[in-house]
Amino acid sequence: MISKWSLLSSLVFLVNWESSSVFAQEAHPLQSVLQGLWVEDNVSGTETLEQRRFISVAESNLRDPGEVFRASYQANADTSSCLMAGALAGEAADFEILDQGETIDLSAFGRTRRVYMDFWLEPPQTFEPNGLGWSTARWAGDMLVIRTTHFLEGAIKSGERPLPFGGPIAQMVERYTLSEDHNHLTVDINLIDPEYYTFSLNVLHSYVRADDIDRDTTCVLN
């Protein structure tokens, strides 16, 4: 007969087991295939229908705190060119992916965001919220899903009027899907920030492989 203490010990073990990094995955075959340079698949260079829809939906669903933040942001214009990770939702940007095995590096605008391949990994106590946030990922079939949290409050500079994003409960979920020939990449971005918006915002960007990207753009911190 199993004693109540043995049963309790087993339950404690299961709880501890489920709260650890048991959800870290083995490297997916497509992880190394994602590596390389990617440029926006928009030869015209003009604002896409997806981007216009994204801005329209965001504008029409701002909560009062969002309007207040934006008014304050405009009054105290941020001249920094170091865009936050969420800014890529409003405006697609050429970027580079570097596969490091247990991590993936995403580089754009002169900044590199490290993505940990353990979806439930929590940041260390020393981690401070910043414009790039804390990113973790997992593979769902052949789709890479990245979740980013712990943003420093900022704005998505899309067009003339910046959109607030990055409150204390904000998160961004990105879904990366390769084409069959591995030369096209779609990135579905979902921004969730209940403090500023009545519901989540979504936009889809398309990219193609490239031999080189514009590396002249660097960010300048104030």
N, C-alpha and C. Protein backbone atom coordinates (compact mmCIF):
# COMPACT_ATOMS: atom_id res chain seq x y z
N MET A 1 0.85 -1.19 0.00
CA MET A 1 0.00 0.00 0.00
C MET A 1 0.89 1.25 0.00
N ILE A 2 0.51 2.23 -0.81
CA ILE A 2 1.30 3.45 -0.91
C ILE A 2 0.91 4.39 0.22
N SER A 3 1.88 4.83 0.99
CA SER A 3 1.58 5.75 2.09
C SER A 3 1.24 7.12 1.53
N LYS A 4 0.54 7.93 2.38
CA LYS A 4 0.17 9.26 1.93
C LYS A 4 1.41 10.13 1.71
N TRP A 5 2.49 9.83 2.47
CA TRP A 5 3.72 10.61 2.30
C TRP A 5 4.41 10.27 0.99
N SER A 6 4.38 9.00 0.61
CA SER A 6 4.96 8.61 -0.68
C SER A 6 4.18 9.26 -1.82
N LEU A 7 2.84 9.28 -1.67
CA LEU A 7 2.01 9.89 -2.69
C LEU A 7 2.27 11.38 -2.77
N LEU A 8 2.42 12.01 -1.58
CA LEU A 8 2.71 13.44 -1.55
C LEU A 8 4.05 13.73 -2.19
N SER A 9 5.06 12.90 -1.90
CA SER A 9 6.38 13.08 -2.49
C SER A 9 6.32 12.98 -4.00
N SER A 10 5.50 12.02 -4.48
CA SER A 10 5.36 11.84 -5.92
C SER A 10 4.73 13.07 -6.57
N LEU A 11 3.71 13.62 -5.88
CA LEU A 11 3.06 14.80 -6.41
C LEU A 11 4.00 15.99 -6.44
N VAL A 12 4.80 16.15 -5.38
CA VAL A 12 5.78 17.23 -5.34
C VAL A 12 6.79 17.09 -6.48
N PHE A 13 7.22 15.84 -6.73
CA PHE A 13 8.16 15.58 -7.81
C PHE A 13 7.57 15.99 -9.16
N LEU A 14 6.27 15.63 -9.37
CA LEU A 14 5.63 15.95 -10.64
C LEU A 14 5.50 17.46 -10.82
N VAL A 15 5.14 18.16 -9.74
CA VAL A 15 5.02 19.62 -9.82
C VAL A 15 6.36 20.24 -10.17
N ASN A 16 7.42 19.80 -9.46
CA ASN A 16 8.75 20.34 -9.74
C ASN A 16 9.20 20.01 -11.16
N TRP A 17 8.88 18.79 -11.62
CA TRP A 17 9.27 18.36 -12.96
C TRP A 17 8.60 19.22 -14.02
N GLU A 18 7.30 19.52 -13.81
CA GLU A 18 6.56 20.29 -14.80
C GLU A 18 6.95 21.76 -14.78
N SER A 19 7.52 22.24 -13.68
CA SER A 19 7.89 23.64 -13.61
C SER A 19 9.32 23.88 -14.07
N SER A 20 10.03 22.81 -14.40
CA SER A 20 11.40 22.97 -14.87
C SER A 20 11.42 23.11 -16.38
N SER A 21 12.62 23.03 -16.99
CA SER A 21 12.76 23.25 -18.41
C SER A 21 12.58 21.97 -19.23
N VAL A 22 11.58 21.18 -18.85
CA VAL A 22 11.35 19.93 -19.58
C VAL A 22 10.76 20.17 -20.96
N PHE A 23 10.33 21.41 -21.22
CA PHE A 23 9.71 21.71 -22.50
C PHE A 23 10.73 22.19 -23.52
N ALA A 24 12.01 22.26 -23.14
CA ALA A 24 13.05 22.61 -24.12
C ALA A 24 13.09 21.52 -25.18
N GLN A 25 13.14 21.92 -26.45
CA GLN A 25 13.07 20.98 -27.55
C GLN A 25 14.44 20.69 -28.14
N GLU A 26 14.52 19.54 -28.78
CA GLU A 26 15.69 19.25 -29.59
C GLU A 26 15.67 20.18 -30.80
N ALA A 27 16.83 20.45 -31.37
CA ALA A 27 16.91 21.35 -32.52
C ALA A 27 16.09 20.78 -33.68
N HIS A 28 15.23 21.59 -34.23
CA HIS A 28 14.40 21.19 -35.37
C HIS A 28 15.25 21.26 -36.65
N PRO A 29 15.05 20.35 -37.60
CA PRO A 29 15.83 20.38 -38.85
C PRO A 29 15.76 21.72 -39.59
N LEU A 30 14.62 22.42 -39.45
CA LEU A 30 14.48 23.70 -40.16
C LEU A 30 15.16 24.86 -39.45
N GLN A 31 15.61 24.63 -38.21
CA GLN A 31 16.21 25.73 -37.45
C GLN A 31 17.45 26.29 -38.15
N SER A 32 18.30 25.39 -38.66
CA SER A 32 19.49 25.84 -39.37
C SER A 32 19.15 26.38 -40.75
N VAL A 33 18.04 25.90 -41.33
CA VAL A 33 17.62 26.36 -42.65
C VAL A 33 17.16 27.81 -42.59
N LEU A 34 16.58 28.22 -41.46
CA LEU A 34 16.14 29.59 -41.28
C LEU A 34 17.30 30.59 -41.30
N GLN A 35 18.48 30.10 -40.98
CA GLN A 35 19.65 30.99 -40.88
C GLN A 35 19.92 31.69 -42.20
N GLY A 36 20.24 32.99 -42.10
CA GLY A 36 20.59 33.75 -43.29
C GLY A 36 19.99 35.14 -43.27
N LEU A 37 20.08 35.79 -44.41
CA LEU A 37 19.61 37.16 -44.58
C LEU A 37 18.23 37.15 -45.24
N TRP A 38 17.33 37.97 -44.72
CA TRP A 38 15.97 38.05 -45.23
C TRP A 38 15.59 39.50 -45.49
N VAL A 39 15.02 39.76 -46.68
CA VAL A 39 14.60 41.12 -47.03
C VAL A 39 13.11 41.12 -47.32
N GLU A 40 12.48 42.26 -47.08
CA GLU A 40 11.04 42.39 -47.28
C GLU A 40 10.68 42.09 -48.73
N ASP A 41 9.66 41.29 -48.93
CA ASP A 41 9.19 40.93 -50.27
C ASP A 41 8.18 41.97 -50.75
N ASN A 42 8.69 43.17 -50.97
CA ASN A 42 7.83 44.29 -51.38
C ASN A 42 8.66 45.20 -52.29
N VAL A 43 8.65 44.90 -53.57
CA VAL A 43 9.52 45.60 -54.52
C VAL A 43 9.17 47.07 -54.65
N SER A 44 7.91 47.44 -54.38
CA SER A 44 7.51 48.84 -54.53
C SER A 44 8.06 49.72 -53.43
N GLY A 45 8.30 49.11 -52.26
CA GLY A 45 8.81 49.88 -51.13
C GLY A 45 7.75 50.75 -50.47
N THR A 46 6.52 50.71 -50.96
CA THR A 46 5.44 51.50 -50.37
C THR A 46 4.75 50.72 -49.26
N GLU A 47 3.94 51.42 -48.51
CA GLU A 47 3.21 50.80 -47.41
C GLU A 47 2.25 49.75 -47.95
N THR A 48 2.31 48.56 -47.40
CA THR A 48 1.47 47.47 -47.89
C THR A 48 0.05 47.56 -47.31
N LEU A 49 -0.86 46.81 -47.91
CA LEU A 49 -2.23 46.75 -47.42
C LEU A 49 -2.25 46.22 -45.99
N GLU A 50 -1.39 45.23 -45.69
CA GLU A 50 -1.31 44.68 -44.34
C GLU A 50 -0.92 45.75 -43.33
N GLN A 51 0.07 46.57 -43.70
CA GLN A 51 0.53 47.62 -42.79
C GLN A 51 -0.56 48.67 -42.57
N ARG A 52 -1.26 49.05 -43.63
CA ARG A 52 -2.34 50.04 -43.50
C ARG A 52 -3.46 49.50 -42.62
N ARG A 53 -3.78 48.22 -42.80
CA ARG A 53 -4.83 47.60 -41.98
C ARG A 53 -4.40 47.56 -40.52
N PHE A 54 -3.14 47.19 -40.28
CA PHE A 54 -2.61 47.12 -38.92
C PHE A 54 -2.74 48.48 -38.22
N ILE A 55 -2.33 49.54 -38.90
CA ILE A 55 -2.37 50.87 -38.31
C ILE A 55 -3.81 51.30 -38.04
N SER A 56 -4.70 51.03 -39.01
CA SER A 56 -6.10 51.41 -38.86
C SER A 56 -6.74 50.71 -37.66
N VAL A 57 -6.50 49.42 -37.52
CA VAL A 57 -7.07 48.67 -36.40
C VAL A 57 -6.50 49.17 -35.08
N ALA A 58 -5.20 49.42 -35.05
CA ALA A 58 -4.56 49.91 -33.82
C ALA A 58 -5.12 51.28 -33.43
N GLU A 59 -5.27 52.17 -34.41
CA GLU A 59 -5.78 53.51 -34.14
C GLU A 59 -7.19 53.48 -33.57
N SER A 60 -8.01 52.56 -34.07
CA SER A 60 -9.42 52.54 -33.69
C SER A 60 -9.69 51.80 -32.39
N ASN A 61 -8.66 51.17 -31.82
CA ASN A 61 -8.88 50.37 -30.61
C ASN A 61 -7.99 50.77 -29.44
N LEU A 62 -7.46 51.98 -29.49
CA LEU A 62 -6.67 52.49 -28.38
C LEU A 62 -7.57 52.76 -27.17
N ARG A 63 -7.14 52.28 -26.01
CA ARG A 63 -7.82 52.64 -24.76
C ARG A 63 -7.38 54.04 -24.35
N ASP A 64 -8.05 54.61 -23.38
CA ASP A 64 -7.70 55.96 -22.91
C ASP A 64 -6.24 56.06 -22.48
N PRO A 65 -5.69 55.09 -21.73
CA PRO A 65 -4.28 55.19 -21.36
C PRO A 65 -3.35 55.24 -22.57
N GLY A 66 -3.77 54.57 -23.66
CA GLY A 66 -2.97 54.60 -24.88
C GLY A 66 -2.95 55.98 -25.50
N GLU A 67 -4.11 56.64 -25.51
CA GLU A 67 -4.18 57.99 -26.06
C GLU A 67 -3.34 58.96 -25.22
N VAL A 68 -3.41 58.78 -23.90
CA VAL A 68 -2.63 59.65 -23.00
C VAL A 68 -1.14 59.45 -23.22
N PHE A 69 -0.74 58.16 -23.33
CA PHE A 69 0.67 57.88 -23.53
C PHE A 69 1.15 58.47 -24.85
N ARG A 70 0.36 58.32 -25.90
CA ARG A 70 0.78 58.81 -27.21
C ARG A 70 0.91 60.33 -27.22
N ALA A 71 -0.03 61.01 -26.56
CA ALA A 71 0.04 62.47 -26.49
C ALA A 71 1.31 62.89 -25.77
N SER A 72 1.64 62.20 -24.70
CA SER A 72 2.85 62.50 -23.95
C SER A 72 4.09 62.18 -24.77
N TYR A 73 4.03 61.07 -25.50
CA TYR A 73 5.16 60.66 -26.33
C TYR A 73 5.43 61.69 -27.42
N GLN A 74 4.38 62.22 -28.04
CA GLN A 74 4.55 63.20 -29.09
C GLN A 74 5.11 64.51 -28.53
N ALA A 75 4.67 64.85 -27.32
CA ALA A 75 5.14 66.08 -26.70
C ALA A 75 6.61 65.98 -26.32
N ASN A 76 7.05 64.76 -26.04
CA ASN A 76 8.46 64.55 -25.69
C ASN A 76 9.07 63.58 -26.70
N ALA A 77 9.22 64.06 -27.93
CA ALA A 77 9.63 63.21 -29.06
C ALA A 77 10.90 62.44 -28.74
N ASP A 78 10.84 61.15 -28.97
CA ASP A 78 11.99 60.28 -28.77
C ASP A 78 12.81 60.25 -30.04
N THR A 79 14.04 60.74 -29.96
CA THR A 79 14.88 60.81 -31.15
C THR A 79 15.77 59.59 -31.31
N SER A 80 15.61 58.62 -30.43
CA SER A 80 16.40 57.40 -30.53
C SER A 80 16.02 56.63 -31.78
N SER A 81 17.01 56.07 -32.46
CA SER A 81 16.74 55.25 -33.65
C SER A 81 16.80 53.78 -33.32
N CYS A 82 16.94 53.44 -32.04
CA CYS A 82 16.98 52.03 -31.61
C CYS A 82 15.56 51.53 -31.41
N LEU A 83 15.00 50.93 -32.43
CA LEU A 83 13.61 50.51 -32.37
C LEU A 83 13.43 49.29 -31.48
N MET A 84 12.29 49.23 -30.81
CA MET A 84 11.95 48.08 -29.99
C MET A 84 11.50 46.95 -30.90
N ALA A 85 11.52 45.72 -30.36
CA ALA A 85 11.18 44.55 -31.17
C ALA A 85 9.78 44.66 -31.75
N GLY A 86 8.83 45.17 -30.97
CA GLY A 86 7.46 45.29 -31.44
C GLY A 86 7.28 46.24 -32.60
N ALA A 87 8.25 47.13 -32.81
CA ALA A 87 8.15 48.11 -33.89
C ALA A 87 8.14 47.43 -35.25
N LEU A 88 8.70 46.23 -35.34
CA LEU A 88 8.76 45.54 -36.62
C LEU A 88 7.37 45.12 -37.09
N ALA A 89 6.39 45.15 -36.20
CA ALA A 89 5.02 44.83 -36.61
C ALA A 89 4.48 45.94 -37.50
N GLY A 90 4.77 47.17 -37.15
CA GLY A 90 4.26 48.29 -37.92
C GLY A 90 4.99 48.51 -39.22
N GLU A 91 6.23 48.12 -39.29
CA GLU A 91 7.02 48.34 -40.50
C GLU A 91 8.02 47.20 -40.66
N ALA A 92 7.87 46.42 -41.71
CA ALA A 92 8.77 45.30 -41.94
C ALA A 92 10.19 45.81 -42.12
N ALA A 93 11.16 45.02 -41.68
CA ALA A 93 12.56 45.42 -41.79
C ALA A 93 13.41 44.23 -42.21
N ASP A 94 14.40 44.48 -43.05
CA ASP A 94 15.33 43.42 -43.41
C ASP A 94 16.06 42.96 -42.16
N PHE A 95 16.31 41.66 -42.05
CA PHE A 95 16.95 41.17 -40.84
C PHE A 95 17.76 39.91 -41.13
N GLU A 96 18.53 39.49 -40.13
CA GLU A 96 19.37 38.31 -40.25
C GLU A 96 19.05 37.34 -39.12
N ILE A 97 19.04 36.05 -39.44
CA ILE A 97 18.83 35.00 -38.46
C ILE A 97 20.11 34.20 -38.33
N LEU A 98 20.57 34.01 -37.11
CA LEU A 98 21.77 33.20 -36.85
C LEU A 98 21.39 32.09 -35.88
N ASP A 99 21.53 30.85 -36.32
CA ASP A 99 21.20 29.69 -35.49
C ASP A 99 22.38 29.36 -34.58
N GLN A 100 22.15 29.38 -33.27
CA GLN A 100 23.19 29.09 -32.29
C GLN A 100 22.91 27.77 -31.54
N GLY A 101 21.94 27.00 -32.05
CA GLY A 101 21.62 25.75 -31.38
C GLY A 101 20.57 25.95 -30.31
N GLU A 102 21.00 26.23 -29.09
CA GLU A 102 20.05 26.45 -27.98
C GLU A 102 19.44 27.84 -28.01
N THR A 103 19.97 28.71 -28.86
CA THR A 103 19.42 30.05 -29.03
C THR A 103 19.43 30.41 -30.51
N ILE A 104 18.64 31.42 -30.85
CA ILE A 104 18.63 32.01 -32.19
C ILE A 104 18.81 33.50 -32.03
N ASP A 105 19.66 34.10 -32.85
CA ASP A 105 19.86 35.55 -32.82
C ASP A 105 19.14 36.18 -34.01
N LEU A 106 18.33 37.21 -33.74
CA LEU A 106 17.65 37.97 -34.77
C LEU A 106 18.21 39.39 -34.77
N SER A 107 18.78 39.81 -35.89
CA SER A 107 19.44 41.12 -35.95
C SER A 107 18.76 42.03 -36.96
N ALA A 108 18.45 43.25 -36.51
CA ALA A 108 17.87 44.28 -37.38
C ALA A 108 18.12 45.64 -36.73
N PHE A 109 18.24 46.68 -37.56
CA PHE A 109 18.45 48.03 -37.06
C PHE A 109 19.67 48.14 -36.14
N GLY A 110 20.69 47.33 -36.39
CA GLY A 110 21.89 47.41 -35.57
C GLY A 110 21.75 46.81 -34.20
N ARG A 111 20.65 46.08 -33.93
CA ARG A 111 20.44 45.45 -32.64
C ARG A 111 20.20 43.96 -32.83
N THR A 112 20.58 43.18 -31.84
CA THR A 112 20.41 41.72 -31.90
C THR A 112 19.55 41.26 -30.74
N ARG A 113 18.50 40.54 -31.07
CA ARG A 113 17.59 39.97 -30.06
C ARG A 113 17.89 38.48 -29.93
N ARG A 114 18.21 38.04 -28.74
CA ARG A 114 18.50 36.62 -28.49
C ARG A 114 17.21 35.89 -28.13
N VAL A 115 16.98 34.77 -28.81
CA VAL A 115 15.78 33.96 -28.59
C VAL A 115 16.20 32.61 -28.02
N TYR A 116 15.70 32.28 -26.85
CA TYR A 116 16.05 31.02 -26.18
C TYR A 116 15.07 29.92 -26.62
N MET A 117 15.62 28.78 -27.03
CA MET A 117 14.79 27.69 -27.52
C MET A 117 14.22 26.84 -26.37
N ASP A 118 13.65 27.51 -25.40
CA ASP A 118 12.95 26.89 -24.28
C ASP A 118 11.78 27.80 -23.98
N PHE A 119 10.61 27.44 -24.48
CA PHE A 119 9.45 28.33 -24.47
C PHE A 119 9.06 28.80 -23.08
N TRP A 120 9.34 27.99 -22.05
CA TRP A 120 8.90 28.32 -20.69
C TRP A 120 10.04 28.85 -19.82
N LEU A 121 11.17 29.17 -20.43
CA LEU A 121 12.31 29.68 -19.67
C LEU A 121 12.03 31.10 -19.18
N GLU A 122 12.18 31.32 -17.88
CA GLU A 122 11.96 32.64 -17.29
C GLU A 122 13.28 33.41 -17.28
N PRO A 123 13.21 34.74 -17.39
CA PRO A 123 14.46 35.53 -17.35
C PRO A 123 15.08 35.49 -15.96
N PRO A 124 16.39 35.65 -15.88
CA PRO A 124 17.05 35.68 -14.56
C PRO A 124 16.60 36.90 -13.77
N GLN A 125 16.80 36.86 -12.47
CA GLN A 125 16.36 37.96 -11.61
C GLN A 125 17.07 39.27 -11.97
N THR A 126 18.24 39.16 -12.58
CA THR A 126 19.00 40.36 -12.94
C THR A 126 18.52 41.00 -14.23
N PHE A 127 17.61 40.31 -14.96
CA PHE A 127 17.14 40.84 -16.24
C PHE A 127 16.26 42.06 -16.03
N GLU A 128 16.55 43.13 -16.78
CA GLU A 128 15.74 44.35 -16.70
C GLU A 128 14.99 44.54 -18.01
N PRO A 129 13.70 44.91 -17.96
CA PRO A 129 12.93 45.15 -19.17
C PRO A 129 13.65 46.12 -20.10
N ASN A 130 13.57 45.87 -21.40
CA ASN A 130 14.21 46.74 -22.39
C ASN A 130 13.41 46.72 -23.67
N GLY A 131 13.89 47.43 -24.67
CA GLY A 131 13.16 47.56 -25.92
C GLY A 131 13.05 46.27 -26.71
N LEU A 132 13.95 45.33 -26.47
CA LEU A 132 13.91 44.06 -27.19
C LEU A 132 13.16 42.98 -26.42
N GLY A 133 13.07 43.14 -25.10
CA GLY A 133 12.33 42.19 -24.29
C GLY A 133 13.05 40.86 -24.09
N TRP A 134 12.31 39.91 -23.53
CA TRP A 134 12.82 38.56 -23.26
C TRP A 134 12.12 37.59 -24.19
N SER A 135 12.88 36.92 -25.08
CA SER A 135 12.28 36.08 -26.11
C SER A 135 12.59 34.60 -25.90
N THR A 136 11.54 33.78 -25.98
CA THR A 136 11.69 32.33 -25.93
C THR A 136 10.92 31.74 -27.12
N ALA A 137 11.24 30.49 -27.50
CA ALA A 137 10.63 29.93 -28.70
C ALA A 137 10.43 28.43 -28.60
N ARG A 138 9.58 27.92 -29.47
CA ARG A 138 9.37 26.49 -29.62
C ARG A 138 8.96 26.23 -31.07
N TRP A 139 9.08 24.99 -31.49
CA TRP A 139 8.62 24.59 -32.81
C TRP A 139 7.24 23.94 -32.68
N ALA A 140 6.28 24.41 -33.47
CA ALA A 140 4.96 23.80 -33.56
C ALA A 140 4.87 23.20 -34.96
N GLY A 141 5.23 21.94 -35.07
CA GLY A 141 5.36 21.34 -36.40
C GLY A 141 6.53 21.97 -37.11
N ASP A 142 6.29 22.54 -38.29
CA ASP A 142 7.35 23.22 -39.04
C ASP A 142 7.28 24.73 -38.89
N MET A 143 6.58 25.22 -37.90
CA MET A 143 6.45 26.65 -37.66
C MET A 143 7.17 27.03 -36.37
N LEU A 144 8.03 28.03 -36.45
CA LEU A 144 8.73 28.54 -35.27
C LEU A 144 7.88 29.59 -34.60
N VAL A 145 7.59 29.40 -33.31
CA VAL A 145 6.78 30.34 -32.54
C VAL A 145 7.66 31.02 -31.50
N ILE A 146 7.73 32.34 -31.55
CA ILE A 146 8.54 33.12 -30.60
C ILE A 146 7.63 34.00 -29.77
N ARG A 147 7.81 33.94 -28.45
CA ARG A 147 7.05 34.80 -27.54
C ARG A 147 8.01 35.75 -26.84
N THR A 148 7.69 37.04 -26.86
CA THR A 148 8.55 38.05 -26.23
C THR A 148 7.76 38.81 -25.18
N THR A 149 8.33 38.91 -23.99
CA THR A 149 7.72 39.62 -22.87
C THR A 149 8.77 40.55 -22.23
N HIS A 150 8.43 41.15 -21.10
CA HIS A 150 9.34 42.01 -20.35
C HIS A 150 9.89 43.16 -21.21
N PHE A 151 8.95 43.82 -21.91
CA PHE A 151 9.32 45.00 -22.70
C PHE A 151 9.47 46.23 -21.80
N LEU A 152 10.35 47.11 -22.21
CA LEU A 152 10.36 48.45 -21.66
C LEU A 152 9.31 49.24 -22.42
N GLU A 153 8.50 50.00 -21.73
CA GLU A 153 7.44 50.75 -22.39
C GLU A 153 7.99 51.64 -23.48
N GLY A 154 7.37 51.57 -24.66
CA GLY A 154 7.86 52.36 -25.79
C GLY A 154 6.77 52.57 -26.82
N ALA A 155 7.18 52.75 -28.06
CA ALA A 155 6.20 53.03 -29.11
C ALA A 155 6.60 52.37 -30.41
N ILE A 156 5.58 52.04 -31.19
CA ILE A 156 5.78 51.51 -32.54
C ILE A 156 5.71 52.70 -33.48
N LYS A 157 6.84 53.08 -34.04
CA LYS A 157 6.87 54.25 -34.91
C LYS A 157 6.42 53.86 -36.31
N SER A 158 5.12 53.87 -36.50
CA SER A 158 4.55 53.51 -37.79
C SER A 158 3.81 54.72 -38.35
N GLY A 159 4.41 55.37 -39.33
CA GLY A 159 3.80 56.56 -39.90
C GLY A 159 4.04 57.78 -39.02
N GLU A 160 3.15 58.75 -39.16
CA GLU A 160 3.31 60.02 -38.46
C GLU A 160 3.00 59.93 -36.97
N ARG A 161 2.09 59.02 -36.59
CA ARG A 161 1.65 58.96 -35.20
C ARG A 161 2.11 57.65 -34.57
N PRO A 162 3.05 57.71 -33.65
CA PRO A 162 3.54 56.49 -33.00
C PRO A 162 2.46 55.80 -32.18
N LEU A 163 2.49 54.49 -32.17
CA LEU A 163 1.53 53.69 -31.42
C LEU A 163 2.19 53.15 -30.16
N PRO A 164 1.56 53.32 -29.00
CA PRO A 164 2.16 52.83 -27.75
C PRO A 164 2.17 51.30 -27.70
N PHE A 165 3.19 50.76 -27.08
CA PHE A 165 3.25 49.32 -26.86
C PHE A 165 4.32 49.05 -25.80
N GLY A 166 4.12 47.97 -25.07
CA GLY A 166 5.15 47.57 -24.12
C GLY A 166 4.80 47.82 -22.67
N GLY A 167 3.52 47.81 -22.35
CA GLY A 167 3.15 47.93 -20.95
C GLY A 167 3.62 46.72 -20.17
N PRO A 168 3.44 46.71 -18.86
CA PRO A 168 3.97 45.63 -18.02
C PRO A 168 3.42 44.24 -18.33
N ILE A 169 2.24 44.17 -18.98
CA ILE A 169 1.68 42.85 -19.31
C ILE A 169 1.68 42.61 -20.82
N ALA A 170 2.42 43.41 -21.56
CA ALA A 170 2.45 43.26 -23.02
C ALA A 170 3.28 42.05 -23.43
N GLN A 171 2.88 41.43 -24.54
CA GLN A 171 3.69 40.37 -25.12
C GLN A 171 3.50 40.35 -26.63
N MET A 172 4.51 39.86 -27.31
CA MET A 172 4.48 39.73 -28.76
C MET A 172 4.69 38.27 -29.12
N VAL A 173 3.83 37.74 -29.99
CA VAL A 173 3.97 36.36 -30.46
C VAL A 173 4.20 36.40 -31.96
N GLU A 174 5.33 35.81 -32.40
CA GLU A 174 5.67 35.76 -33.82
C GLU A 174 5.65 34.31 -34.29
N ARG A 175 5.15 34.10 -35.50
CA ARG A 175 5.11 32.76 -36.09
C ARG A 175 5.84 32.80 -37.44
N TYR A 176 6.94 32.06 -37.53
CA TYR A 176 7.78 32.03 -38.72
C TYR A 176 7.52 30.75 -39.51
N THR A 177 7.16 30.91 -40.80
CA THR A 177 6.85 29.75 -41.64
C THR A 177 7.61 29.84 -42.95
N LEU A 178 8.38 28.80 -43.25
CA LEU A 178 9.16 28.75 -44.50
C LEU A 178 8.33 28.14 -45.62
N SER A 179 8.59 28.59 -46.85
CA SER A 179 7.97 27.99 -48.02
C SER A 179 8.63 26.63 -48.29
N GLU A 180 8.05 25.84 -49.18
CA GLU A 180 8.59 24.52 -49.48
C GLU A 180 10.00 24.59 -50.05
N ASP A 181 10.29 25.64 -50.83
CA ASP A 181 11.63 25.76 -51.41
C ASP A 181 12.61 26.46 -50.47
N HIS A 182 12.13 26.86 -49.28
CA HIS A 182 12.94 27.48 -48.23
C HIS A 182 13.49 28.86 -48.60
N ASN A 183 12.95 29.48 -49.65
CA ASN A 183 13.44 30.78 -50.09
C ASN A 183 12.48 31.92 -49.76
N HIS A 184 11.31 31.59 -49.23
CA HIS A 184 10.35 32.60 -48.81
C HIS A 184 9.96 32.34 -47.36
N LEU A 185 9.75 33.43 -46.64
CA LEU A 185 9.45 33.33 -45.21
C LEU A 185 8.30 34.27 -44.88
N THR A 186 7.29 33.76 -44.20
CA THR A 186 6.21 34.62 -43.71
C THR A 186 6.34 34.74 -42.20
N VAL A 187 6.12 35.93 -41.70
CA VAL A 187 6.19 36.20 -40.27
C VAL A 187 4.87 36.81 -39.83
N ASP A 188 4.12 36.06 -39.07
CA ASP A 188 2.83 36.50 -38.54
C ASP A 188 3.08 37.03 -37.13
N ILE A 189 2.77 38.32 -36.92
CA ILE A 189 3.06 38.98 -35.64
C ILE A 189 1.77 39.35 -34.93
N ASN A 190 1.68 38.96 -33.67
CA ASN A 190 0.53 39.29 -32.84
C ASN A 190 0.99 40.08 -31.63
N LEU A 191 0.48 41.30 -31.47
CA LEU A 191 0.83 42.16 -30.34
C LEU A 191 -0.31 42.17 -29.35
N ILE A 192 0.01 41.85 -28.11
CA ILE A 192 -1.01 41.78 -27.06
C ILE A 192 -0.63 42.76 -25.94
N ASP A 193 -1.45 43.78 -25.77
CA ASP A 193 -1.18 44.78 -24.74
C ASP A 193 -2.50 45.32 -24.21
N PRO A 194 -3.14 44.59 -23.27
CA PRO A 194 -4.46 44.96 -22.75
C PRO A 194 -4.49 46.33 -22.08
N GLU A 195 -3.34 46.83 -21.68
CA GLU A 195 -3.33 48.15 -21.03
C GLU A 195 -3.68 49.24 -22.04
N TYR A 196 -3.25 49.07 -23.29
CA TYR A 196 -3.41 50.11 -24.28
C TYR A 196 -4.46 49.81 -25.36
N TYR A 197 -4.76 48.52 -25.59
CA TYR A 197 -5.68 48.17 -26.68
C TYR A 197 -6.80 47.26 -26.19
N THR A 198 -7.96 47.37 -26.84
CA THR A 198 -9.11 46.56 -26.44
C THR A 198 -8.94 45.11 -26.85
N PHE A 199 -8.17 44.86 -27.91
CA PHE A 199 -7.86 43.48 -28.29
C PHE A 199 -6.52 43.45 -29.02
N SER A 200 -6.01 42.26 -29.27
CA SER A 200 -4.67 42.13 -29.83
C SER A 200 -4.61 42.61 -31.28
N LEU A 201 -3.42 42.98 -31.71
CA LEU A 201 -3.19 43.48 -33.06
C LEU A 201 -2.39 42.44 -33.85
N ASN A 202 -2.70 42.32 -35.13
CA ASN A 202 -2.04 41.30 -35.94
C ASN A 202 -1.60 41.88 -37.28
N VAL A 203 -0.44 41.43 -37.76
CA VAL A 203 0.04 41.82 -39.09
C VAL A 203 0.89 40.69 -39.64
N LEU A 204 0.92 40.56 -40.95
CA LEU A 204 1.68 39.50 -41.63
C LEU A 204 2.68 40.14 -42.58
N HIS A 205 3.96 39.75 -42.46
CA HIS A 205 5.00 40.23 -43.35
C HIS A 205 5.58 39.08 -44.15
N SER A 206 6.02 39.38 -45.38
CA SER A 206 6.62 38.37 -46.25
C SER A 206 8.05 38.76 -46.58
N TYR A 207 8.94 37.74 -46.58
CA TYR A 207 10.36 37.99 -46.84
C TYR A 207 10.90 36.99 -47.86
N VAL A 208 12.01 37.37 -48.50
CA VAL A 208 12.72 36.47 -49.41
C VAL A 208 14.19 36.44 -49.00
N ARG A 209 14.86 35.35 -49.34
CA ARG A 209 16.29 35.24 -49.02
C ARG A 209 17.08 36.27 -49.81
N ALA A 210 18.21 36.67 -49.24
CA ALA A 210 19.05 37.66 -49.91
C ALA A 210 20.52 37.33 -49.69
N ASP A 211 21.35 37.83 -50.58
CA ASP A 211 22.79 37.66 -50.45
C ASP A 211 23.39 38.75 -49.58
N ASP A 212 22.67 39.86 -49.45
CA ASP A 212 23.16 40.97 -48.64
C ASP A 212 21.97 41.81 -48.22
N ILE A 213 22.13 42.56 -47.16
CA ILE A 213 21.09 43.50 -46.71
C ILE A 213 21.76 44.83 -46.39
N ASP A 214 20.95 45.87 -46.29
CA ASP A 214 21.45 47.20 -45.98
C ASP A 214 21.91 47.23 -44.53
N ARG A 215 23.22 47.27 -44.32
CA ARG A 215 23.77 47.27 -42.97
C ARG A 215 24.18 48.67 -42.52
N ASP A 216 23.81 49.69 -43.29
CA ASP A 216 24.18 51.05 -42.92
C ASP A 216 23.36 51.59 -41.76
N THR A 217 22.18 51.00 -41.56
CA THR A 217 21.30 51.47 -40.50
C THR A 217 21.80 51.01 -39.14
N THR A 218 22.17 51.92 -38.31
CA THR A 218 22.58 51.61 -36.94
C THR A 218 21.73 52.41 -35.97
N CYS A 219 21.56 51.89 -34.79
CA CYS A 219 20.74 52.60 -33.82
C CYS A 219 21.60 53.48 -32.94
N VAL A 220 21.02 54.59 -32.51
CA VAL A 220 21.73 55.54 -31.66
C VAL A 220 20.90 55.77 -30.41
N LEU A 221 21.45 55.39 -29.26
CA LEU A 221 20.76 55.62 -28.00
C LEU A 221 20.94 57.06 -27.55
N ASN A 222 19.88 57.65 -26.99
CA ASN A 222 20.00 59.02 -26.48
C ASN A 222 20.87 59.04 -25.23
